[in-house]
């Protein structure tokens, strides 16, 4: 992907680009989704496998789209040239799922702020439910 590809997507689709969906280390069945929005917001979600909603969603604004791209590059360790538009492809990782997922440990990790987020931005937790667990 290039910055031009990203700009074209935003101009036509008017929606974000999820550039990462990966298994969440230490939490079987959970995945981390990283999305960049047309208004230069970055969204990091921690979701149950094969789900697009329900988990904690962290959002942060950026001064500009290049700043947001740079923050994601540092956070993920992948340059924009290595990104794939997962919103367009619909790809999800094969996540190990277990009927006995440890939701108490997951909630504790959310409560204690254990999940890493891009350090150059100030994130807020979107859902009231997750702020109060």
N, C-alpha and C. Protein backbone atom coordinates (compact mmCIF):
# COMPACT_ATOMS: atom_id res chain seq x y z
N UNK A 1 0.85 -1.17 0.00
CA UNK A 1 0.00 0.00 0.00
C UNK A 1 0.90 1.24 0.00
N UNK A 2 0.41 2.30 -0.59
CA UNK A 2 1.11 3.58 -0.59
C UNK A 2 0.19 4.64 0.04
N UNK A 3 0.74 5.80 0.31
CA UNK A 3 -0.07 6.89 0.82
C UNK A 3 -1.14 7.27 -0.21
N UNK A 4 -0.79 7.20 -1.51
CA UNK A 4 -1.76 7.48 -2.57
C UNK A 4 -2.91 6.47 -2.55
N UNK A 5 -2.59 5.18 -2.34
CA UNK A 5 -3.63 4.15 -2.24
C UNK A 5 -4.58 4.46 -1.08
N UNK A 6 -4.01 4.85 0.04
CA UNK A 6 -4.79 5.18 1.22
C UNK A 6 -5.71 6.37 0.94
N UNK A 7 -5.17 7.40 0.32
CA UNK A 7 -5.95 8.60 0.01
C UNK A 7 -7.08 8.29 -0.98
N UNK A 8 -6.79 7.44 -1.97
CA UNK A 8 -7.83 7.05 -2.93
C UNK A 8 -8.97 6.30 -2.23
N UNK A 9 -8.59 5.37 -1.35
CA UNK A 9 -9.60 4.61 -0.60
C UNK A 9 -10.49 5.57 0.20
N UNK A 10 -9.86 6.49 0.91
CA UNK A 10 -10.63 7.44 1.73
C UNK A 10 -11.54 8.30 0.87
N UNK A 11 -11.06 8.72 -0.30
CA UNK A 11 -11.86 9.59 -1.18
C UNK A 11 -13.08 8.85 -1.74
N UNK A 12 -12.91 7.57 -2.05
CA UNK A 12 -13.99 6.80 -2.66
C UNK A 12 -14.90 6.17 -1.61
N UNK A 13 -14.32 5.50 -0.63
CA UNK A 13 -15.10 4.71 0.34
C UNK A 13 -15.53 5.51 1.57
N UNK A 14 -14.80 6.55 1.89
CA UNK A 14 -15.12 7.39 3.06
C UNK A 14 -15.16 6.60 4.36
N UNK A 15 -14.36 5.56 4.44
CA UNK A 15 -14.30 4.73 5.64
C UNK A 15 -12.85 4.36 5.92
N UNK A 16 -12.61 3.81 7.11
CA UNK A 16 -11.26 3.48 7.52
C UNK A 16 -10.68 2.28 6.80
N UNK A 17 -9.37 2.13 6.98
CA UNK A 17 -8.63 0.98 6.46
C UNK A 17 -8.07 0.22 7.65
N UNK A 18 -8.55 -1.01 7.84
CA UNK A 18 -7.96 -1.88 8.84
C UNK A 18 -6.71 -2.47 8.20
N UNK A 19 -5.56 -2.20 8.79
CA UNK A 19 -4.32 -2.68 8.19
C UNK A 19 -3.68 -3.82 8.99
N UNK A 20 -4.27 -4.12 10.14
CA UNK A 20 -3.76 -5.26 10.91
C UNK A 20 -4.88 -5.94 11.66
N UNK A 21 -4.91 -7.25 11.55
CA UNK A 21 -5.73 -8.13 12.39
C UNK A 21 -4.81 -9.27 12.78
N UNK A 22 -4.49 -9.35 14.05
CA UNK A 22 -3.54 -10.38 14.47
C UNK A 22 -3.97 -10.99 15.80
N UNK A 23 -3.61 -12.26 16.02
CA UNK A 23 -3.92 -12.88 17.31
C UNK A 23 -3.29 -12.08 18.45
N UNK A 24 -3.99 -11.99 19.55
CA UNK A 24 -3.51 -11.23 20.71
C UNK A 24 -2.75 -12.18 21.63
N UNK A 25 -1.45 -11.96 21.72
CA UNK A 25 -0.57 -12.82 22.51
C UNK A 25 -1.07 -12.90 23.96
N UNK A 26 -1.14 -14.12 24.45
CA UNK A 26 -1.53 -14.34 25.83
C UNK A 26 -3.03 -14.44 26.06
N UNK A 27 -3.83 -14.22 25.01
CA UNK A 27 -5.28 -14.25 25.15
C UNK A 27 -5.88 -15.05 24.00
N UNK A 28 -5.98 -16.34 24.21
CA UNK A 28 -6.48 -17.25 23.19
C UNK A 28 -7.85 -16.80 22.70
N UNK A 29 -7.99 -16.73 21.37
CA UNK A 29 -9.26 -16.38 20.77
C UNK A 29 -9.50 -14.90 20.57
N UNK A 30 -8.62 -14.05 21.07
CA UNK A 30 -8.76 -12.61 20.88
C UNK A 30 -7.82 -12.12 19.79
N UNK A 31 -8.23 -11.06 19.11
CA UNK A 31 -7.39 -10.47 18.07
C UNK A 31 -7.26 -8.97 18.28
N UNK A 32 -6.19 -8.41 17.72
CA UNK A 32 -5.97 -6.97 17.75
C UNK A 32 -6.18 -6.44 16.34
N UNK A 33 -7.02 -5.41 16.21
CA UNK A 33 -7.30 -4.78 14.93
C UNK A 33 -6.78 -3.34 15.00
N UNK A 34 -6.05 -2.92 13.98
CA UNK A 34 -5.54 -1.55 13.90
C UNK A 34 -6.10 -0.92 12.62
N UNK A 35 -6.78 0.23 12.80
CA UNK A 35 -7.46 0.89 11.68
C UNK A 35 -7.06 2.36 11.64
N UNK A 36 -6.86 2.86 10.43
CA UNK A 36 -6.60 4.28 10.23
C UNK A 36 -7.83 4.87 9.53
N UNK A 37 -8.28 6.03 10.01
CA UNK A 37 -9.50 6.64 9.51
C UNK A 37 -9.18 7.84 8.61
N UNK A 38 -10.14 8.24 7.76
CA UNK A 38 -9.90 9.37 6.85
C UNK A 38 -9.56 10.68 7.57
N UNK A 39 -10.04 10.84 8.81
CA UNK A 39 -9.76 12.07 9.56
C UNK A 39 -8.49 11.97 10.40
N UNK A 40 -7.63 11.00 10.10
CA UNK A 40 -6.33 10.79 10.75
C UNK A 40 -6.46 10.24 12.17
N UNK A 41 -7.63 9.70 12.52
CA UNK A 41 -7.73 8.98 13.79
C UNK A 41 -7.17 7.58 13.62
N UNK A 42 -6.64 7.05 14.71
CA UNK A 42 -6.17 5.67 14.75
C UNK A 42 -7.05 4.94 15.76
N UNK A 43 -7.52 3.77 15.36
CA UNK A 43 -8.37 2.96 16.22
C UNK A 43 -7.68 1.62 16.44
N UNK A 44 -7.57 1.23 17.71
CA UNK A 44 -7.01 -0.08 18.07
C UNK A 44 -8.10 -0.80 18.87
N UNK A 45 -8.51 -1.96 18.35
CA UNK A 45 -9.56 -2.75 18.97
C UNK A 45 -9.03 -4.12 19.37
N UNK A 46 -9.54 -4.63 20.46
CA UNK A 46 -9.21 -5.97 20.92
C UNK A 46 -10.50 -6.75 20.94
N UNK A 47 -10.63 -7.70 20.02
CA UNK A 47 -11.92 -8.35 19.76
C UNK A 47 -11.82 -9.86 19.84
N UNK A 48 -12.97 -10.49 20.10
CA UNK A 48 -13.06 -11.94 20.04
C UNK A 48 -12.89 -12.35 18.58
N UNK A 49 -12.22 -13.44 18.32
CA UNK A 49 -11.94 -13.90 16.96
C UNK A 49 -13.20 -13.90 16.10
N UNK A 50 -13.02 -13.50 14.85
CA UNK A 50 -14.10 -13.46 13.86
C UNK A 50 -15.21 -12.48 14.22
N UNK A 51 -14.89 -11.47 15.03
CA UNK A 51 -15.88 -10.48 15.43
C UNK A 51 -15.40 -9.09 15.03
N UNK A 52 -16.33 -8.22 14.75
CA UNK A 52 -16.00 -6.84 14.44
C UNK A 52 -16.50 -5.89 15.51
N UNK A 53 -17.01 -6.42 16.61
CA UNK A 53 -17.54 -5.53 17.64
C UNK A 53 -17.57 -6.23 18.98
N UNK A 54 -17.74 -5.44 20.03
CA UNK A 54 -17.93 -6.00 21.36
C UNK A 54 -16.75 -5.85 22.29
N UNK A 55 -15.55 -5.70 21.75
CA UNK A 55 -14.38 -5.57 22.62
C UNK A 55 -14.02 -4.12 22.85
N UNK A 56 -13.00 -3.88 23.65
CA UNK A 56 -12.59 -2.51 23.91
C UNK A 56 -12.02 -1.84 22.66
N UNK A 57 -12.40 -0.59 22.45
CA UNK A 57 -11.96 0.19 21.31
C UNK A 57 -11.26 1.44 21.81
N UNK A 58 -10.01 1.58 21.43
CA UNK A 58 -9.21 2.75 21.81
C UNK A 58 -9.06 3.65 20.59
N UNK A 59 -9.30 4.95 20.76
CA UNK A 59 -9.18 5.88 19.64
C UNK A 59 -8.26 7.04 20.03
N UNK A 60 -7.57 7.56 19.01
CA UNK A 60 -6.71 8.73 19.20
C UNK A 60 -6.69 9.53 17.92
N UNK A 61 -6.70 10.84 18.06
CA UNK A 61 -6.58 11.71 16.91
C UNK A 61 -5.12 12.01 16.64
N UNK A 62 -4.83 12.33 15.41
CA UNK A 62 -3.47 12.66 15.01
C UNK A 62 -3.51 14.02 14.32
N UNK A 63 -2.38 14.70 14.32
CA UNK A 63 -2.32 16.00 13.66
C UNK A 63 -2.51 15.93 12.17
N UNK A 64 -2.12 14.82 11.57
CA UNK A 64 -2.22 14.67 10.12
C UNK A 64 -2.19 13.19 9.76
N UNK A 65 -2.59 12.91 8.55
CA UNK A 65 -2.55 11.53 8.07
C UNK A 65 -1.13 10.97 8.06
N UNK A 66 -0.12 11.72 7.58
CA UNK A 66 1.24 11.19 7.67
C UNK A 66 1.68 10.89 9.10
N UNK A 67 1.24 11.71 10.06
CA UNK A 67 1.58 11.44 11.47
C UNK A 67 0.92 10.15 11.94
N UNK A 68 -0.33 9.94 11.55
CA UNK A 68 -1.04 8.72 11.94
C UNK A 68 -0.37 7.49 11.32
N UNK A 69 -0.01 7.58 10.04
CA UNK A 69 0.68 6.48 9.37
C UNK A 69 1.99 6.17 10.09
N UNK A 70 2.73 7.20 10.41
CA UNK A 70 4.03 7.01 11.09
C UNK A 70 3.83 6.34 12.46
N UNK A 71 2.82 6.77 13.21
CA UNK A 71 2.56 6.16 14.52
C UNK A 71 2.24 4.67 14.38
N UNK A 72 1.45 4.33 13.36
CA UNK A 72 1.11 2.92 13.14
C UNK A 72 2.34 2.13 12.69
N UNK A 73 3.16 2.73 11.83
CA UNK A 73 4.38 2.06 11.38
C UNK A 73 5.28 1.70 12.56
N UNK A 74 5.45 2.63 13.47
CA UNK A 74 6.29 2.38 14.65
C UNK A 74 5.64 1.32 15.54
N UNK A 75 4.35 1.44 15.76
CA UNK A 75 3.62 0.53 16.64
C UNK A 75 3.64 -0.91 16.13
N UNK A 76 3.42 -1.08 14.83
CA UNK A 76 3.33 -2.44 14.27
C UNK A 76 4.67 -2.96 13.76
N UNK A 77 5.63 -2.05 13.56
CA UNK A 77 6.91 -2.46 13.00
C UNK A 77 6.84 -2.73 11.52
N UNK A 78 5.80 -2.21 10.86
CA UNK A 78 5.62 -2.43 9.42
C UNK A 78 5.40 -1.10 8.72
N UNK A 79 6.18 -0.85 7.69
CA UNK A 79 6.04 0.35 6.87
C UNK A 79 4.76 0.26 6.05
N UNK A 80 4.25 1.40 5.62
CA UNK A 80 3.00 1.44 4.85
C UNK A 80 3.09 0.56 3.60
N UNK A 81 4.26 0.43 3.01
CA UNK A 81 4.43 -0.40 1.81
C UNK A 81 4.12 -1.88 2.10
N UNK A 82 4.15 -2.27 3.38
CA UNK A 82 3.87 -3.66 3.77
C UNK A 82 2.41 -3.86 4.18
N UNK A 83 1.65 -2.79 4.27
CA UNK A 83 0.26 -2.89 4.71
C UNK A 83 -0.61 -3.49 3.62
N UNK A 84 -1.67 -4.17 4.06
CA UNK A 84 -2.71 -4.64 3.16
C UNK A 84 -4.03 -4.07 3.68
N UNK A 85 -4.91 -3.71 2.78
CA UNK A 85 -6.21 -3.18 3.16
C UNK A 85 -7.11 -4.36 3.53
N UNK A 86 -7.16 -4.67 4.82
CA UNK A 86 -7.96 -5.80 5.28
C UNK A 86 -9.45 -5.48 5.30
N UNK A 87 -9.78 -4.20 5.29
CA UNK A 87 -11.18 -3.81 5.16
C UNK A 87 -11.69 -4.25 3.80
N UNK A 88 -10.88 -4.06 2.78
CA UNK A 88 -11.27 -4.44 1.42
C UNK A 88 -11.25 -5.95 1.22
N UNK A 89 -10.23 -6.60 1.76
CA UNK A 89 -10.09 -8.05 1.51
C UNK A 89 -10.98 -8.89 2.41
N UNK A 90 -11.33 -8.36 3.59
CA UNK A 90 -12.14 -9.13 4.53
C UNK A 90 -11.38 -10.23 5.24
N UNK A 91 -10.05 -10.20 5.15
CA UNK A 91 -9.23 -11.25 5.75
C UNK A 91 -9.22 -11.17 7.28
N UNK A 92 -9.32 -12.35 7.91
CA UNK A 92 -9.18 -12.49 9.36
C UNK A 92 -8.16 -13.59 9.63
N UNK A 93 -7.39 -13.45 10.70
CA UNK A 93 -6.42 -14.50 11.01
C UNK A 93 -7.10 -15.75 11.56
N UNK A 94 -6.43 -16.85 11.39
CA UNK A 94 -6.88 -18.08 12.04
C UNK A 94 -6.54 -17.92 13.51
N UNK A 95 -7.52 -17.65 14.31
CA UNK A 95 -7.27 -17.45 15.74
C UNK A 95 -7.65 -18.70 16.50
N UNK A 96 -6.81 -19.04 17.45
CA UNK A 96 -7.09 -20.18 18.30
C UNK A 96 -8.27 -19.80 19.19
N UNK A 97 -9.33 -20.56 19.10
CA UNK A 97 -10.49 -20.26 19.93
C UNK A 97 -10.70 -21.35 20.94
N UNK A 98 -11.24 -20.96 22.05
CA UNK A 98 -11.50 -21.91 23.11
C UNK A 98 -12.84 -21.56 23.74
N UNK A 99 -13.67 -22.55 23.97
CA UNK A 99 -14.95 -22.24 24.62
C UNK A 99 -14.75 -21.74 26.05
N UNK A 100 -13.55 -21.95 26.58
CA UNK A 100 -13.26 -21.53 27.94
C UNK A 100 -12.31 -20.34 27.94
N UNK A 101 -12.61 -19.35 27.11
CA UNK A 101 -11.75 -18.17 27.08
C UNK A 101 -11.74 -17.51 28.45
N UNK A 102 -10.63 -16.94 28.78
CA UNK A 102 -10.45 -16.35 30.11
C UNK A 102 -10.88 -14.88 30.07
N UNK A 103 -12.19 -14.65 30.13
CA UNK A 103 -12.69 -13.29 30.05
C UNK A 103 -12.31 -12.48 31.28
N UNK A 104 -12.14 -13.12 32.44
CA UNK A 104 -11.74 -12.39 33.65
C UNK A 104 -10.33 -11.82 33.47
N UNK A 105 -9.43 -12.61 32.91
CA UNK A 105 -8.05 -12.13 32.67
C UNK A 105 -8.04 -11.03 31.63
N UNK A 106 -8.88 -11.17 30.61
CA UNK A 106 -8.97 -10.14 29.57
C UNK A 106 -9.48 -8.84 30.17
N UNK A 107 -10.55 -8.91 30.95
CA UNK A 107 -11.09 -7.70 31.60
C UNK A 107 -10.07 -7.06 32.52
N UNK A 108 -9.33 -7.87 33.26
CA UNK A 108 -8.29 -7.35 34.15
C UNK A 108 -7.21 -6.62 33.34
N UNK A 109 -6.83 -7.19 32.20
CA UNK A 109 -5.82 -6.55 31.34
C UNK A 109 -6.32 -5.20 30.82
N UNK A 110 -7.60 -5.12 30.47
CA UNK A 110 -8.19 -3.85 30.03
C UNK A 110 -8.17 -2.86 31.18
N UNK A 111 -8.65 -3.28 32.33
CA UNK A 111 -8.72 -2.41 33.51
C UNK A 111 -7.35 -1.87 33.90
N UNK A 112 -6.33 -2.70 33.79
CA UNK A 112 -4.98 -2.31 34.21
C UNK A 112 -4.16 -1.69 33.08
N UNK A 113 -4.76 -1.51 31.91
CA UNK A 113 -4.06 -0.87 30.79
C UNK A 113 -2.86 -1.66 30.30
N UNK A 114 -2.98 -2.97 30.25
CA UNK A 114 -1.86 -3.83 29.88
C UNK A 114 -1.64 -3.95 28.37
N UNK A 115 -2.61 -3.56 27.57
CA UNK A 115 -2.44 -3.71 26.13
C UNK A 115 -1.66 -2.53 25.57
N UNK A 116 -0.61 -2.80 24.79
CA UNK A 116 0.16 -1.68 24.22
C UNK A 116 -0.63 -0.94 23.15
N UNK A 117 -0.38 0.36 23.09
CA UNK A 117 -0.98 1.24 22.09
C UNK A 117 0.14 2.11 21.53
N UNK A 118 -0.05 2.70 20.36
CA UNK A 118 1.00 3.59 19.83
C UNK A 118 1.35 4.68 20.85
N UNK A 119 2.62 4.76 21.19
CA UNK A 119 3.05 5.64 22.28
C UNK A 119 3.07 7.12 21.92
N UNK A 120 3.04 7.45 20.65
CA UNK A 120 3.12 8.85 20.26
C UNK A 120 1.75 9.53 20.24
N UNK A 121 0.71 8.81 20.65
CA UNK A 121 -0.65 9.35 20.62
C UNK A 121 -1.31 9.12 21.97
N UNK A 122 -2.31 9.93 22.28
CA UNK A 122 -3.08 9.78 23.51
C UNK A 122 -4.42 9.14 23.17
N UNK A 123 -4.61 7.93 23.66
CA UNK A 123 -5.80 7.14 23.35
C UNK A 123 -6.83 7.24 24.46
N UNK A 124 -8.09 7.15 24.06
CA UNK A 124 -9.19 7.05 25.01
C UNK A 124 -9.96 5.77 24.72
N UNK A 125 -10.48 5.20 25.78
CA UNK A 125 -11.28 3.99 25.67
C UNK A 125 -12.71 4.40 25.37
N UNK A 126 -13.23 3.96 24.25
CA UNK A 126 -14.52 4.44 23.73
C UNK A 126 -15.71 4.00 24.57
N UNK A 127 -15.82 2.73 24.86
CA UNK A 127 -17.04 2.19 25.47
C UNK A 127 -17.04 2.34 26.99
N UNK A 128 -18.15 2.83 27.50
CA UNK A 128 -18.29 2.99 28.95
C UNK A 128 -18.17 1.64 29.67
N UNK A 129 -18.75 0.60 29.09
CA UNK A 129 -18.69 -0.73 29.71
C UNK A 129 -17.25 -1.10 30.04
N UNK A 130 -16.35 -0.92 29.07
CA UNK A 130 -14.96 -1.33 29.26
C UNK A 130 -14.21 -0.40 30.22
N UNK A 131 -14.64 0.84 30.32
CA UNK A 131 -14.00 1.76 31.28
C UNK A 131 -14.36 1.39 32.72
N UNK A 132 -15.45 0.65 32.89
CA UNK A 132 -15.95 0.34 34.23
C UNK A 132 -15.75 -1.11 34.64
N UNK A 133 -15.04 -1.91 33.84
CA UNK A 133 -14.85 -3.33 34.22
C UNK A 133 -13.89 -3.44 35.38
